[in-house]
Amino acid sequence: MCIAVSGQLTEINGRLGNVNIRGNILSVDLGIVDAKIGDYLLVHAGCALSVLPRDEHEELEALFAELDGDAE
């Protein structure tokens, strides 16, 4: 199963950007989104798929935190 995650864009270097995903910095291809630093992005397989509103990002974070709790 594949899953997309969300994170905040912290740096842009041409077509690539650094995204903070739960404290991990990931280099992401920004080629299909119009994003700016501070935006929340939905990321899958190293590519930003869309810009997310902050509330949707927070909902996803809460879901992953709940799943992490179930795994312990």
N, C-alpha and C. Protein backbone atom coordinates (compact mmCIF):
# COMPACT_ATOMS: atom_id res chain seq x y z
N MET A 1 0.84 -1.17 0.00
CA MET A 1 0.00 0.00 0.00
C MET A 1 0.89 1.24 0.00
N CYS A 2 0.51 2.22 -0.77
CA CYS A 2 1.23 3.48 -0.83
C CYS A 2 0.45 4.53 -0.06
N ILE A 3 1.17 5.47 0.49
CA ILE A 3 0.54 6.50 1.31
C ILE A 3 1.22 7.84 1.04
N ALA A 4 0.43 8.90 1.02
CA ALA A 4 0.98 10.25 0.89
C ALA A 4 1.00 10.88 2.28
N VAL A 5 1.97 11.73 2.51
CA VAL A 5 2.12 12.40 3.80
C VAL A 5 2.17 13.91 3.56
N SER A 6 1.96 14.66 4.62
CA SER A 6 2.01 16.12 4.47
C SER A 6 3.14 16.69 5.30
N GLY A 7 3.64 17.83 4.84
CA GLY A 7 4.70 18.52 5.54
C GLY A 7 4.76 19.96 5.08
N GLN A 8 5.62 20.73 5.75
CA GLN A 8 5.73 22.17 5.45
C GLN A 8 6.97 22.45 4.63
N LEU A 9 6.79 23.21 3.57
CA LEU A 9 7.89 23.62 2.70
C LEU A 9 8.76 24.64 3.41
N THR A 10 10.06 24.33 3.54
CA THR A 10 10.97 25.21 4.29
C THR A 10 12.00 25.89 3.40
N GLU A 11 12.22 25.36 2.20
CA GLU A 11 13.25 25.93 1.32
C GLU A 11 12.94 25.53 -0.12
N ILE A 12 13.24 26.44 -1.05
CA ILE A 12 13.06 26.17 -2.48
C ILE A 12 14.38 26.37 -3.19
N ASN A 13 14.77 25.38 -3.98
CA ASN A 13 15.99 25.43 -4.79
C ASN A 13 15.64 25.02 -6.21
N GLY A 14 15.18 25.98 -7.01
CA GLY A 14 14.75 25.67 -8.36
C GLY A 14 13.49 24.84 -8.34
N ARG A 15 13.56 23.66 -8.97
CA ARG A 15 12.39 22.77 -9.02
C ARG A 15 12.25 21.91 -7.77
N LEU A 16 13.27 21.89 -6.92
CA LEU A 16 13.25 21.08 -5.71
C LEU A 16 12.99 21.94 -4.48
N GLY A 17 12.42 21.32 -3.47
CA GLY A 17 12.20 22.01 -2.21
C GLY A 17 12.45 21.08 -1.05
N ASN A 18 12.78 21.66 0.09
CA ASN A 18 12.91 20.88 1.32
C ASN A 18 11.60 20.98 2.08
N VAL A 19 11.09 19.81 2.47
CA VAL A 19 9.83 19.75 3.19
C VAL A 19 10.07 19.07 4.54
N ASN A 20 9.58 19.70 5.60
CA ASN A 20 9.68 19.15 6.95
C ASN A 20 8.47 18.25 7.17
N ILE A 21 8.73 16.95 7.22
CA ILE A 21 7.67 15.96 7.44
C ILE A 21 7.93 15.29 8.78
N ARG A 22 7.17 15.72 9.78
CA ARG A 22 7.28 15.16 11.14
C ARG A 22 8.71 15.19 11.66
N GLY A 23 9.40 16.31 11.40
CA GLY A 23 10.76 16.49 11.89
C GLY A 23 11.85 15.98 10.96
N ASN A 24 11.48 15.35 9.87
CA ASN A 24 12.44 14.87 8.88
C ASN A 24 12.40 15.78 7.67
N ILE A 25 13.58 16.19 7.19
CA ILE A 25 13.66 17.06 6.02
C ILE A 25 13.84 16.20 4.78
N LEU A 26 12.92 16.36 3.83
CA LEU A 26 12.91 15.55 2.61
C LEU A 26 13.00 16.48 1.41
N SER A 27 13.88 16.14 0.46
CA SER A 27 13.95 16.88 -0.79
C SER A 27 12.82 16.39 -1.69
N VAL A 28 12.03 17.34 -2.20
CA VAL A 28 10.81 17.01 -2.93
C VAL A 28 10.77 17.76 -4.26
N ASP A 29 10.30 17.09 -5.30
CA ASP A 29 10.09 17.71 -6.60
C ASP A 29 8.84 18.57 -6.54
N LEU A 30 8.97 19.85 -6.87
CA LEU A 30 7.85 20.80 -6.80
C LEU A 30 7.26 21.08 -8.18
N GLY A 31 7.61 20.28 -9.18
CA GLY A 31 7.26 20.56 -10.57
C GLY A 31 5.79 20.69 -10.88
N ILE A 32 4.90 20.04 -10.11
CA ILE A 32 3.48 20.11 -10.47
C ILE A 32 2.65 20.97 -9.51
N VAL A 33 3.32 21.66 -8.58
CA VAL A 33 2.58 22.54 -7.66
C VAL A 33 3.14 23.95 -7.73
N ASP A 34 2.31 24.90 -7.38
CA ASP A 34 2.73 26.30 -7.27
C ASP A 34 2.79 26.60 -5.78
N ALA A 35 3.94 26.33 -5.17
CA ALA A 35 4.08 26.42 -3.72
C ALA A 35 5.07 27.50 -3.33
N LYS A 36 4.87 28.02 -2.12
CA LYS A 36 5.81 28.99 -1.56
C LYS A 36 6.23 28.52 -0.17
N ILE A 37 7.34 29.04 0.31
CA ILE A 37 7.84 28.66 1.63
C ILE A 37 6.74 28.90 2.67
N GLY A 38 6.56 27.91 3.53
CA GLY A 38 5.53 27.97 4.56
C GLY A 38 4.28 27.19 4.21
N ASP A 39 4.09 26.88 2.91
CA ASP A 39 2.93 26.09 2.50
C ASP A 39 3.04 24.67 3.01
N TYR A 40 1.88 24.05 3.22
CA TYR A 40 1.81 22.64 3.56
C TYR A 40 1.54 21.87 2.27
N LEU A 41 2.31 20.79 2.06
CA LEU A 41 2.22 20.03 0.82
C LEU A 41 1.86 18.58 1.10
N LEU A 42 1.10 17.98 0.20
CA LEU A 42 0.86 16.55 0.21
C LEU A 42 1.94 15.93 -0.66
N VAL A 43 2.72 14.99 -0.09
CA VAL A 43 3.90 14.44 -0.76
C VAL A 43 3.77 12.93 -0.90
N HIS A 44 4.10 12.43 -2.08
CA HIS A 44 4.13 10.98 -2.33
C HIS A 44 5.30 10.68 -3.27
N ALA A 45 6.11 9.70 -2.89
CA ALA A 45 7.21 9.22 -3.73
C ALA A 45 8.15 10.35 -4.16
N GLY A 46 8.40 11.30 -3.24
CA GLY A 46 9.34 12.37 -3.52
C GLY A 46 8.80 13.51 -4.37
N CYS A 47 7.48 13.50 -4.61
CA CYS A 47 6.86 14.56 -5.41
C CYS A 47 5.74 15.23 -4.63
N ALA A 48 5.70 16.55 -4.68
CA ALA A 48 4.60 17.29 -4.09
C ALA A 48 3.40 17.16 -5.02
N LEU A 49 2.29 16.67 -4.48
CA LEU A 49 1.09 16.47 -5.29
C LEU A 49 0.14 17.65 -5.26
N SER A 50 0.08 18.32 -4.08
CA SER A 50 -0.82 19.47 -3.96
C SER A 50 -0.44 20.29 -2.74
N VAL A 51 -0.93 21.53 -2.74
CA VAL A 51 -0.80 22.41 -1.58
C VAL A 51 -2.04 22.18 -0.73
N LEU A 52 -1.82 21.99 0.58
CA LEU A 52 -2.93 21.71 1.51
C LEU A 52 -3.21 22.92 2.39
N PRO A 53 -4.48 23.14 2.71
CA PRO A 53 -4.78 24.12 3.75
C PRO A 53 -4.23 23.60 5.08
N ARG A 54 -3.88 24.51 5.97
CA ARG A 54 -3.29 24.13 7.26
C ARG A 54 -4.18 23.15 8.03
N ASP A 55 -5.51 23.36 8.01
CA ASP A 55 -6.40 22.49 8.77
C ASP A 55 -6.38 21.05 8.25
N GLU A 56 -6.24 20.86 6.94
CA GLU A 56 -6.13 19.50 6.39
C GLU A 56 -4.81 18.86 6.81
N HIS A 57 -3.73 19.64 6.81
CA HIS A 57 -2.44 19.14 7.28
C HIS A 57 -2.56 18.69 8.74
N GLU A 58 -3.19 19.50 9.57
CA GLU A 58 -3.34 19.17 10.99
C GLU A 58 -4.20 17.92 11.19
N GLU A 59 -5.23 17.74 10.37
CA GLU A 59 -6.05 16.53 10.43
C GLU A 59 -5.21 15.28 10.11
N LEU A 60 -4.39 15.38 9.08
CA LEU A 60 -3.52 14.25 8.72
C LEU A 60 -2.52 13.96 9.83
N GLU A 61 -1.95 15.00 10.43
CA GLU A 61 -1.00 14.80 11.53
C GLU A 61 -1.67 14.10 12.70
N ALA A 62 -2.90 14.49 13.02
CA ALA A 62 -3.63 13.86 14.12
C ALA A 62 -3.91 12.40 13.81
N LEU A 63 -4.25 12.10 12.58
CA LEU A 63 -4.51 10.71 12.17
C LEU A 63 -3.24 9.88 12.30
N PHE A 64 -2.11 10.39 11.82
CA PHE A 64 -0.85 9.64 11.93
C PHE A 64 -0.43 9.47 13.38
N ALA A 65 -0.67 10.48 14.22
CA ALA A 65 -0.35 10.35 15.64
C ALA A 65 -1.20 9.26 16.28
N GLU A 66 -2.46 9.19 15.90
CA GLU A 66 -3.33 8.14 16.41
C GLU A 66 -2.86 6.76 15.94
N LEU A 67 -2.47 6.65 14.70
CA LEU A 67 -1.96 5.38 14.18
C LEU A 67 -0.66 4.98 14.87
N ASP A 68 0.21 5.95 15.14
CA ASP A 68 1.45 5.67 15.87
C ASP A 68 1.14 5.11 17.25
N GLY A 69 0.12 5.65 17.90
CA GLY A 69 -0.26 5.17 19.22
C GLY A 69 -0.78 3.74 19.18
N ASP A 70 -1.50 3.38 18.13
CA ASP A 70 -2.01 2.01 17.98
C ASP A 70 -0.89 1.01 17.74
N ALA A 71 0.20 1.49 17.14
CA ALA A 71 1.31 0.58 16.81
C ALA A 71 2.13 0.21 18.03
N GLU A 72 2.05 1.01 19.09
CA GLU A 72 2.89 0.75 20.27
C GLU A 72 2.30 -0.30 21.19
